Amino acid sequence: MAIDTPTPPVAPGRTAPGRRFTPRNAVRLAPDAAERQGRITRIAVEALGASAAILFLNSEHEGLPDRPLSMATASEAGLQSVLGLIAPPPT
């Protein structure tokens, strides 16, 4: 016999247990931007290791107009330029 346990009341402004919090001003990435962001993150982690990749992708670098993660997410050209910094093409 199953026993129904009541769900505890949720305080105003709080998220119910088991529900993910989403800020009201959250911006959802377009599918192509989300794919580029995931791809650059995965490649950077594989090439640099997790800590170095996070630092690299979220830091400003001299000569770049924006952070590498923002550049790679914004456009395919930005993604390719950041990929070139991670793994320069063979000469």
C-alpha atoms as a PDB file:
ATOM      1  CA  MET A   1       0.000   0.000   0.000  1.00  0.00           C
ATOM      2  CA  ALA A   2       1.457   3.370  -1.026  1.00  0.00           C
ATOM      3  CA  ILE A   3       1.358   6.254   1.368  1.00  0.00           C
ATOM      4  CA  ASP A   4       0.750   9.682  -0.104  1.00  0.00           C
ATOM      5  CA  THR A   5       3.047  12.236   1.446  1.00  0.00           C
ATOM      6  CA  PRO A   6       1.873  15.817   1.177  1.00  0.00           C
ATOM      7  CA  THR A   7       4.124  18.290  -0.585  1.00  0.00           C
ATOM      8  CA  PRO A   8       5.420  20.880   1.861  1.00  0.00           C
ATOM      9  CA  PRO A   9       4.159  24.403   1.237  1.00  0.00           C
ATOM     10  CA  VAL A  10       6.456  26.641  -0.783  1.00  0.00           C
ATOM     11  CA  ALA A  11       7.249  30.105   0.528  1.00  0.00           C
ATOM     12  CA  PRO A  12       6.432  32.989  -1.838  1.00  0.00           C
ATOM     13  CA  GLY A  13       9.311  33.688  -4.201  1.00  0.00           C
ATOM     14  CA  ARG A  14      10.780  30.186  -3.752  1.00  0.00           C
ATOM     15  CA  THR A  15      10.976  27.292  -6.178  1.00  0.00           C
ATOM     16  CA  ALA A  16       9.050  24.107  -5.370  1.00  0.00           C
ATOM     17  CA  PRO A  17      11.225  21.082  -4.578  1.00  0.00           C
ATOM     18  CA  GLY A  18      12.275  19.268  -7.733  1.00  0.00           C
ATOM     19  CA  ARG A  19      11.696  22.306  -9.937  1.00  0.00           C
ATOM     20  CA  ARG A  20      14.522  24.199 -11.583  1.00  0.00           C
ATOM     21  CA  PHE A  21      14.764  27.938 -10.960  1.00  0.00           C
ATOM     22  CA  THR A  22      14.605  30.079 -14.093  1.00  0.00           C
ATOM     23  CA  PRO A  23      15.057  33.824 -13.655  1.00  0.00           C
ATOM     24  CA  ARG A  24      12.358  35.936 -15.249  1.00  0.00           C
ATOM     25  CA  ASN A  25      14.941  37.823 -17.277  1.00  0.00           C
ATOM     26  CA  ALA A  26      16.730  34.662 -18.511  1.00  0.00           C
ATOM     27  CA  VAL A  27      17.594  34.706 -22.205  1.00  0.00           C
ATOM     28  CA  ARG A  28      17.421  31.390 -24.024  1.00  0.00           C
ATOM     29  CA  LEU A  29      20.120  30.893 -26.662  1.00  0.00           C
ATOM     30  CA  ALA A  30      19.103  30.173 -30.224  1.00  0.00           C
ATOM     31  CA  PRO A  31      19.746  26.520 -31.132  1.00  0.00           C
ATOM     32  CA  ASP A  32      22.704  27.349 -33.398  1.00  0.00           C
ATOM     33  CA  ALA A  33      24.298  29.580 -30.730  1.00  0.00           C
ATOM     34  CA  ALA A  34      23.794  26.886 -28.080  1.00  0.00           C
ATOM     35  CA  GLU A  35      25.427  24.312 -30.379  1.00  0.00           C
ATOM     36  CA  ARG A  36      28.450  26.581 -30.955  1.00  0.00           C
ATOM     37  CA  GLN A  37      28.753  27.265 -27.220  1.00  0.00           C
ATOM     38  CA  GLY A  38      28.669  23.564 -26.419  1.00  0.00           C
ATOM     39  CA  ARG A  39      31.149  22.749 -29.167  1.00  0.00           C
ATOM     40  CA  ILE A  40      33.731  25.358 -28.126  1.00  0.00           C
ATOM     41  CA  THR A  41      33.381  24.363 -24.474  1.00  0.00           C
ATOM     42  CA  ARG A  42      33.865  20.664 -25.232  1.00  0.00           C
ATOM     43  CA  ILE A  43      36.862  21.269 -27.506  1.00  0.00           C
ATOM     44  CA  ALA A  44      38.492  23.671 -25.031  1.00  0.00           C
ATOM     45  CA  VAL A  45      38.071  21.214 -22.145  1.00  0.00           C
ATOM     46  CA  GLU A  46      39.537  18.386 -24.236  1.00  0.00           C
ATOM     47  CA  ALA A  47      42.505  20.511 -25.355  1.00  0.00           C
ATOM     48  CA  LEU A  48      43.252  22.492 -22.187  1.00  0.00           C
ATOM     49  CA  GLY A  49      41.656  20.640 -19.289  1.00  0.00           C
ATOM     50  CA  ALA A  50      38.600  21.865 -17.396  1.00  0.00           C
ATOM     51  CA  SER A  51      40.119  24.621 -15.230  1.00  0.00           C
ATOM     52  CA  ALA A  52      42.294  26.094 -17.970  1.00  0.00           C
ATOM     53  CA  ALA A  53      39.400  25.951 -20.462  1.00  0.00           C
ATOM     54  CA  ILE A  54      37.068  27.831 -18.119  1.00  0.00           C
ATOM     55  CA  LEU A  55      39.723  30.469 -17.492  1.00  0.00           C
ATOM     56  CA  PHE A  56      40.535  30.792 -21.195  1.00  0.00           C
ATOM     57  CA  LEU A  57      36.922  30.991 -22.386  1.00  0.00           C
ATOM     58  CA  ASN A  58      35.832  33.547 -19.789  1.00  0.00           C
ATOM     59  CA  SER A  59      38.870  35.874 -19.765  1.00  0.00           C
ATOM     60  CA  GLU A  60      39.562  38.840 -21.977  1.00  0.00           C
ATOM     61  CA  HIS A  61      42.584  38.476 -24.254  1.00  0.00           C
ATOM     62  CA  GLU A  62      44.625  41.196 -25.904  1.00  0.00           C
ATOM     63  CA  GLY A  63      43.775  41.470 -29.580  1.00  0.00           C
ATOM     64  CA  LEU A  64      40.296  39.949 -29.207  1.00  0.00           C
ATOM     65  CA  PRO A  65      37.208  42.180 -29.254  1.00  0.00           C
ATOM     66  CA  ASP A  66      35.379  40.021 -26.688  1.00  0.00           C
ATOM     67  CA  ARG A  67      35.770  36.985 -24.435  1.00  0.00           C
ATOM     68  CA  PRO A  68      36.356  33.781 -26.438  1.00  0.00           C
ATOM     69  CA  LEU A  69      33.123  32.158 -25.192  1.00  0.00           C
ATOM     70  CA  SER A  70      31.034  35.152 -26.301  1.00  0.00           C
ATOM     71  CA  MET A  71      32.795  35.306 -29.670  1.00  0.00           C
ATOM     72  CA  ALA A  72      32.339  31.596 -30.348  1.00  0.00           C
ATOM     73  CA  THR A  73      28.689  31.668 -29.307  1.00  0.00           C
ATOM     74  CA  ALA A  74      27.840  34.734 -31.406  1.00  0.00           C
ATOM     75  CA  SER A  75      28.810  33.458 -34.866  1.00  0.00           C
ATOM     76  CA  GLU A  76      30.463  30.683 -36.857  1.00  0.00           C
ATOM     77  CA  ALA A  77      33.297  33.076 -37.783  1.00  0.00           C
ATOM     78  CA  GLY A  78      33.863  33.808 -34.092  1.00  0.00           C
ATOM     79  CA  LEU A  79      33.857  30.092 -33.323  1.00  0.00           C
ATOM     80  CA  GLN A  80      36.452  29.437 -36.013  1.00  0.00           C
ATOM     81  CA  SER A  81      38.716  32.243 -34.764  1.00  0.00           C
ATOM     82  CA  VAL A  82      38.580  30.907 -31.185  1.00  0.00           C
ATOM     83  CA  LEU A  83      39.221  27.368 -32.419  1.00  0.00           C
ATOM     84  CA  GLY A  84      42.307  28.743 -34.175  1.00  0.00           C
ATOM     85  CA  LEU A  85      43.583  30.026 -30.822  1.00  0.00           C
ATOM     86  CA  ILE A  86      43.042  26.684 -29.113  1.00  0.00           C
ATOM     87  CA  ALA A  87      44.494  24.505 -31.851  1.00  0.00           C
ATOM     88  CA  PRO A  88      46.330  26.515 -34.508  1.00  0.00           C
ATOM     89  CA  PRO A  89      46.211  24.909 -37.978  1.00  0.00           C
ATOM     90  CA  PRO A  90      49.255  22.778 -38.814  1.00  0.00           C
ATOM     91  CA  THR A  91      51.898  24.539 -40.902  1.00  0.00           C
END
